[in-house]
Amino acid sequence: MRSLVITCTAGTDEPERCNQAFTVASAALASGAKVSLWLSGEAAWLGVPGRAEQFELPLAGSLSEARDLVLELGELFVCAQCAARRGLVADDLVPGARIAGATAFTESILADDVQTLVY
């Protein structure tokens, strides 16, 4: 099975698009895929403890549960520039989330058998 790299560029400012990224990440993990979820733009805030727990969208699953599944079975990254613009450092993030930049992202999407999605 191919690996899946998902970039979530929307946060609570665009809840449906944000939720879709986390839903697809969870579904892919449940199907056995290797998943990396990258949080950029306003989505960077969802790597901070308590932020995903506050997310609400009617008829949507729990964003914090989806995030925790990604942390358990996949990888969760916060864009380095996006984190810096928001004053976030590694210690501000949920345990297991990592800050990484464009070089790491590019390496992950150019690997063999990788599918990339952007929300």
N, C-alpha and C. Protein backbone atom coordinates (compact mmCIF):
# COMPACT_ATOMS: atom_id res chain seq x y z
N MET A 1 0.84 -1.18 0.00
CA MET A 1 0.00 0.00 0.00
C MET A 1 0.88 1.24 0.00
N ARG A 2 0.47 2.24 -0.75
CA ARG A 2 1.23 3.49 -0.83
C ARG A 2 1.13 4.28 0.48
N SER A 3 2.11 5.13 0.66
CA SER A 3 2.07 6.07 1.78
C SER A 3 1.24 7.27 1.37
N LEU A 4 0.67 7.93 2.37
CA LEU A 4 -0.16 9.10 2.13
C LEU A 4 0.37 10.27 2.94
N VAL A 5 0.66 11.37 2.25
CA VAL A 5 1.07 12.61 2.90
C VAL A 5 -0.07 13.59 2.70
N ILE A 6 -0.64 14.04 3.81
CA ILE A 6 -1.77 14.97 3.76
C ILE A 6 -1.32 16.30 4.36
N THR A 7 -1.60 17.37 3.63
CA THR A 7 -1.34 18.70 4.15
C THR A 7 -2.67 19.37 4.46
N CYS A 8 -2.81 19.82 5.68
CA CYS A 8 -4.00 20.55 6.10
C CYS A 8 -3.60 22.01 6.24
N THR A 9 -4.15 22.86 5.37
CA THR A 9 -3.83 24.28 5.39
C THR A 9 -4.92 25.11 6.06
N ALA A 10 -6.02 24.46 6.42
CA ALA A 10 -7.16 25.16 7.01
C ALA A 10 -7.31 24.78 8.47
N GLY A 11 -7.61 25.77 9.27
CA GLY A 11 -7.86 25.53 10.70
C GLY A 11 -9.32 25.77 11.01
N THR A 12 -9.56 26.33 12.15
CA THR A 12 -10.95 26.60 12.54
C THR A 12 -11.59 27.67 11.66
N ASP A 13 -10.77 28.38 10.87
CA ASP A 13 -11.28 29.37 9.93
C ASP A 13 -12.06 28.73 8.78
N GLU A 14 -11.73 27.48 8.46
CA GLU A 14 -12.42 26.72 7.41
C GLU A 14 -12.66 25.30 7.93
N PRO A 15 -13.62 25.14 8.82
CA PRO A 15 -13.77 23.89 9.54
C PRO A 15 -14.05 22.66 8.67
N GLU A 16 -14.80 22.81 7.60
CA GLU A 16 -15.10 21.63 6.79
C GLU A 16 -13.86 21.10 6.08
N ARG A 17 -13.07 22.00 5.52
CA ARG A 17 -11.84 21.57 4.84
C ARG A 17 -10.86 20.99 5.85
N CYS A 18 -10.76 21.61 7.01
CA CYS A 18 -9.90 21.11 8.07
C CYS A 18 -10.32 19.70 8.50
N ASN A 19 -11.59 19.55 8.76
CA ASN A 19 -12.10 18.26 9.20
C ASN A 19 -11.85 17.17 8.16
N GLN A 20 -12.00 17.52 6.89
CA GLN A 20 -11.79 16.53 5.82
C GLN A 20 -10.37 15.97 5.86
N ALA A 21 -9.39 16.82 6.08
CA ALA A 21 -8.00 16.35 6.14
C ALA A 21 -7.82 15.33 7.25
N PHE A 22 -8.36 15.62 8.43
CA PHE A 22 -8.23 14.71 9.57
C PHE A 22 -9.04 13.44 9.35
N THR A 23 -10.20 13.55 8.73
CA THR A 23 -11.03 12.37 8.45
C THR A 23 -10.34 11.44 7.47
N VAL A 24 -9.78 11.99 6.42
CA VAL A 24 -9.08 11.16 5.43
C VAL A 24 -7.84 10.53 6.06
N ALA A 25 -7.13 11.27 6.88
CA ALA A 25 -5.96 10.70 7.57
C ALA A 25 -6.37 9.52 8.43
N SER A 26 -7.45 9.67 9.18
CA SER A 26 -7.93 8.58 10.04
C SER A 26 -8.37 7.37 9.24
N ALA A 27 -9.10 7.61 8.16
CA ALA A 27 -9.57 6.51 7.32
C ALA A 27 -8.40 5.77 6.68
N ALA A 28 -7.41 6.51 6.24
CA ALA A 28 -6.24 5.89 5.63
C ALA A 28 -5.47 5.05 6.65
N LEU A 29 -5.32 5.57 7.86
CA LEU A 29 -4.65 4.79 8.91
C LEU A 29 -5.43 3.52 9.22
N ALA A 30 -6.75 3.63 9.28
CA ALA A 30 -7.59 2.46 9.57
C ALA A 30 -7.48 1.41 8.47
N SER A 31 -7.17 1.85 7.26
CA SER A 31 -7.03 0.89 6.16
C SER A 31 -5.61 0.33 6.06
N GLY A 32 -4.73 0.78 6.95
CA GLY A 32 -3.39 0.23 7.00
C GLY A 32 -2.34 1.05 6.27
N ALA A 33 -2.70 2.22 5.76
CA ALA A 33 -1.74 3.05 5.05
C ALA A 33 -0.79 3.74 6.03
N LYS A 34 0.39 4.05 5.54
CA LYS A 34 1.34 4.87 6.29
C LYS A 34 0.94 6.31 6.02
N VAL A 35 0.69 7.09 7.09
CA VAL A 35 0.17 8.45 6.94
C VAL A 35 1.04 9.47 7.66
N SER A 36 1.33 10.56 6.96
CA SER A 36 1.94 11.74 7.56
C SER A 36 0.97 12.88 7.36
N LEU A 37 0.62 13.56 8.45
CA LEU A 37 -0.26 14.70 8.38
C LEU A 37 0.55 15.95 8.71
N TRP A 38 0.56 16.88 7.76
CA TRP A 38 1.30 18.13 7.91
C TRP A 38 0.32 19.26 8.16
N LEU A 39 0.52 20.02 9.21
CA LEU A 39 -0.33 21.14 9.55
C LEU A 39 0.38 22.44 9.17
N SER A 40 -0.26 23.20 8.29
CA SER A 40 0.33 24.46 7.87
C SER A 40 -0.70 25.56 7.95
N GLY A 41 -0.25 26.80 7.84
CA GLY A 41 -1.17 27.93 7.96
C GLY A 41 -1.88 27.88 9.31
N GLU A 42 -3.16 28.21 9.29
CA GLU A 42 -3.95 28.23 10.53
C GLU A 42 -4.08 26.84 11.17
N ALA A 43 -3.89 25.79 10.38
CA ALA A 43 -3.95 24.43 10.93
C ALA A 43 -2.82 24.17 11.92
N ALA A 44 -1.75 24.97 11.87
CA ALA A 44 -0.63 24.79 12.80
C ALA A 44 -1.11 24.83 14.25
N TRP A 45 -2.13 25.62 14.52
CA TRP A 45 -2.66 25.73 15.88
C TRP A 45 -3.21 24.41 16.39
N LEU A 46 -3.61 23.52 15.50
CA LEU A 46 -4.19 22.24 15.92
C LEU A 46 -3.15 21.27 16.46
N GLY A 47 -1.89 21.63 16.35
CA GLY A 47 -0.83 20.85 16.98
C GLY A 47 -0.58 21.24 18.42
N VAL A 48 -1.29 22.26 18.89
CA VAL A 48 -1.14 22.75 20.27
C VAL A 48 -2.17 22.04 21.16
N PRO A 49 -1.77 21.57 22.34
CA PRO A 49 -2.72 20.91 23.23
C PRO A 49 -3.97 21.77 23.48
N GLY A 50 -5.11 21.12 23.43
CA GLY A 50 -6.37 21.78 23.71
C GLY A 50 -7.06 22.38 22.51
N ARG A 51 -6.33 22.67 21.44
CA ARG A 51 -6.93 23.31 20.27
C ARG A 51 -7.84 22.37 19.50
N ALA A 52 -7.40 21.15 19.24
CA ALA A 52 -8.25 20.18 18.52
C ALA A 52 -9.46 19.80 19.37
N GLU A 53 -9.29 19.81 20.68
CA GLU A 53 -10.39 19.48 21.58
C GLU A 53 -11.51 20.52 21.51
N GLN A 54 -11.18 21.75 21.17
CA GLN A 54 -12.15 22.83 21.08
C GLN A 54 -12.87 22.86 19.72
N PHE A 55 -12.37 22.12 18.75
CA PHE A 55 -12.92 22.15 17.40
C PHE A 55 -14.31 21.50 17.38
N GLU A 56 -15.25 22.19 16.78
CA GLU A 56 -16.60 21.65 16.65
C GLU A 56 -17.11 21.86 15.24
N LEU A 57 -17.73 20.83 14.69
CA LEU A 57 -18.36 20.88 13.39
C LEU A 57 -19.50 19.89 13.41
N PRO A 58 -20.73 20.34 13.16
CA PRO A 58 -21.87 19.42 13.18
C PRO A 58 -21.65 18.22 12.26
N LEU A 59 -22.02 17.06 12.76
CA LEU A 59 -21.95 15.79 12.03
C LEU A 59 -20.53 15.32 11.74
N ALA A 60 -19.54 15.92 12.39
CA ALA A 60 -18.15 15.53 12.20
C ALA A 60 -17.66 14.73 13.40
N GLY A 61 -16.69 13.89 13.16
CA GLY A 61 -16.06 13.15 14.25
C GLY A 61 -15.17 14.06 15.08
N SER A 62 -14.61 13.51 16.10
CA SER A 62 -13.73 14.25 17.00
C SER A 62 -12.38 14.51 16.35
N LEU A 63 -12.03 15.79 16.22
CA LEU A 63 -10.75 16.14 15.64
C LEU A 63 -9.61 15.70 16.55
N SER A 64 -9.81 15.80 17.86
CA SER A 64 -8.74 15.39 18.78
C SER A 64 -8.50 13.88 18.72
N GLU A 65 -9.56 13.10 18.54
CA GLU A 65 -9.38 11.65 18.40
C GLU A 65 -8.65 11.33 17.10
N ALA A 66 -8.98 12.04 16.03
CA ALA A 66 -8.29 11.83 14.76
C ALA A 66 -6.82 12.20 14.89
N ARG A 67 -6.54 13.33 15.55
CA ARG A 67 -5.16 13.76 15.77
C ARG A 67 -4.40 12.70 16.58
N ASP A 68 -5.03 12.19 17.63
CA ASP A 68 -4.38 11.20 18.47
C ASP A 68 -4.11 9.91 17.71
N LEU A 69 -5.00 9.54 16.79
CA LEU A 69 -4.78 8.35 15.97
C LEU A 69 -3.57 8.56 15.06
N VAL A 70 -3.47 9.76 14.49
CA VAL A 70 -2.30 10.07 13.66
C VAL A 70 -1.03 10.00 14.50
N LEU A 71 -1.07 10.52 15.70
CA LEU A 71 0.11 10.47 16.58
C LEU A 71 0.48 9.03 16.94
N GLU A 72 -0.53 8.19 17.10
CA GLU A 72 -0.28 6.80 17.49
C GLU A 72 0.22 5.95 16.33
N LEU A 73 -0.40 6.11 15.16
CA LEU A 73 -0.12 5.20 14.04
C LEU A 73 0.62 5.83 12.87
N GLY A 74 0.73 7.14 12.88
CA GLY A 74 1.37 7.84 11.76
C GLY A 74 2.33 8.89 12.28
N GLU A 75 2.41 10.00 11.54
CA GLU A 75 3.30 11.09 11.92
C GLU A 75 2.53 12.40 11.81
N LEU A 76 2.77 13.31 12.75
CA LEU A 76 2.14 14.62 12.75
C LEU A 76 3.24 15.68 12.74
N PHE A 77 3.19 16.53 11.72
CA PHE A 77 4.18 17.59 11.57
C PHE A 77 3.49 18.94 11.56
N VAL A 78 4.17 19.95 12.07
CA VAL A 78 3.75 21.33 11.96
C VAL A 78 4.80 22.04 11.13
N CYS A 79 4.35 22.77 10.13
CA CYS A 79 5.23 23.53 9.24
C CYS A 79 6.11 24.47 10.06
N ALA A 80 7.41 24.43 9.80
CA ALA A 80 8.37 25.23 10.57
C ALA A 80 8.11 26.74 10.43
N GLN A 81 7.90 27.22 9.22
CA GLN A 81 7.66 28.65 9.04
C GLN A 81 6.33 29.06 9.67
N CYS A 82 5.32 28.20 9.51
CA CYS A 82 4.00 28.50 10.09
C CYS A 82 4.07 28.55 11.60
N ALA A 83 4.83 27.63 12.19
CA ALA A 83 5.01 27.62 13.64
C ALA A 83 5.72 28.90 14.08
N ALA A 84 6.78 29.26 13.38
CA ALA A 84 7.55 30.45 13.75
C ALA A 84 6.69 31.71 13.66
N ARG A 85 5.86 31.81 12.62
CA ARG A 85 5.00 32.99 12.47
C ARG A 85 4.00 33.11 13.61
N ARG A 86 3.68 31.98 14.23
CA ARG A 86 2.71 31.97 15.33
C ARG A 86 3.39 31.90 16.69
N GLY A 87 4.71 31.96 16.70
CA GLY A 87 5.44 31.94 17.96
C GLY A 87 5.47 30.58 18.62
N LEU A 88 5.25 29.51 17.84
CA LEU A 88 5.22 28.16 18.40
C LEU A 88 6.58 27.50 18.30
N VAL A 89 6.94 26.78 19.36
CA VAL A 89 8.15 25.97 19.38
C VAL A 89 7.75 24.54 19.73
N ALA A 90 8.68 23.64 19.61
CA ALA A 90 8.38 22.22 19.82
C ALA A 90 7.70 21.95 21.16
N ASP A 91 8.11 22.65 22.21
CA ASP A 91 7.52 22.42 23.53
C ASP A 91 6.06 22.86 23.62
N ASP A 92 5.60 23.65 22.65
CA ASP A 92 4.20 24.09 22.63
C ASP A 92 3.27 23.05 22.04
N LEU A 93 3.82 22.03 21.39
CA LEU A 93 3.01 21.06 20.65
C LEU A 93 2.62 19.86 21.50
N VAL A 94 1.60 19.15 21.02
CA VAL A 94 1.21 17.90 21.69
C VAL A 94 2.38 16.93 21.61
N PRO A 95 2.54 16.07 22.61
CA PRO A 95 3.64 15.10 22.57
C PRO A 95 3.56 14.25 21.31
N GLY A 96 4.70 14.14 20.64
CA GLY A 96 4.78 13.34 19.43
C GLY A 96 4.72 14.14 18.14
N ALA A 97 4.17 15.35 18.20
CA ALA A 97 4.15 16.22 17.02
C ALA A 97 5.53 16.84 16.86
N ARG A 98 5.90 17.07 15.61
CA ARG A 98 7.22 17.63 15.33
C ARG A 98 7.11 18.82 14.40
N ILE A 99 8.03 19.74 14.55
CA ILE A 99 8.14 20.87 13.64
C ILE A 99 9.16 20.48 12.57
N ALA A 100 8.77 20.69 11.31
CA ALA A 100 9.67 20.35 10.20
C ALA A 100 9.43 21.33 9.06
N GLY A 101 10.45 21.49 8.25
CA GLY A 101 10.39 22.48 7.18
C GLY A 101 10.18 21.89 5.80
N ALA A 102 10.38 22.77 4.83
CA ALA A 102 10.12 22.43 3.43
C ALA A 102 11.00 21.29 2.92
N THR A 103 12.22 21.21 3.40
CA THR A 103 13.10 20.15 2.93
C THR A 103 12.56 18.78 3.33
N ALA A 104 12.15 18.63 4.58
CA ALA A 104 11.58 17.36 5.04
C ALA A 104 10.28 17.05 4.32
N PHE A 105 9.45 18.06 4.11
CA PHE A 105 8.19 17.86 3.40
C PHE A 105 8.47 17.40 1.97
N THR A 106 9.38 18.07 1.30
CA THR A 106 9.71 17.72 -0.08
C THR A 106 10.25 16.29 -0.17
N GLU A 107 11.12 15.92 0.74
CA GLU A 107 11.63 14.55 0.75
C GLU A 107 10.51 13.54 0.91
N SER A 108 9.53 13.85 1.76
CA SER A 108 8.45 12.90 2.01
C SER A 108 7.53 12.75 0.80
N ILE A 109 7.27 13.82 0.09
CA ILE A 109 6.35 13.71 -1.05
C ILE A 109 7.01 13.19 -2.31
N LEU A 110 8.34 13.24 -2.37
CA LEU A 110 9.04 12.74 -3.54
C LEU A 110 9.48 11.28 -3.40
N ALA A 111 9.21 10.67 -2.27
CA ALA A 111 9.55 9.26 -2.07
C ALA A 111 8.70 8.39 -3.00
N ASP A 112 9.18 7.20 -3.26
CA ASP A 112 8.44 6.26 -4.11
C ASP A 112 7.11 5.87 -3.47
N ASP A 113 6.11 5.67 -4.32
CA ASP A 113 4.79 5.18 -3.90
C ASP A 113 4.10 6.07 -2.85
N VAL A 114 4.22 7.37 -3.01
CA VAL A 114 3.57 8.31 -2.09
C VAL A 114 2.48 9.06 -2.84
N GLN A 115 1.34 9.13 -2.21
CA GLN A 115 0.22 9.96 -2.70
C GLN A 115 0.14 11.18 -1.81
N THR A 116 -0.05 12.35 -2.39
CA THR A 116 -0.12 13.58 -1.62
C THR A 116 -1.48 14.23 -1.82
N LEU A 117 -2.09 14.67 -0.72
CA LEU A 117 -3.36 15.39 -0.76
C LEU A 117 -3.21 16.69 0.00
N VAL A 118 -3.86 17.73 -0.48
CA VAL A 118 -3.83 19.02 0.20
C VAL A 118 -5.24 19.49 0.45
N TYR A 119 -5.52 19.84 1.69
CA TYR A 119 -6.82 20.38 2.08
C TYR A 119 -6.63 21.77 2.63
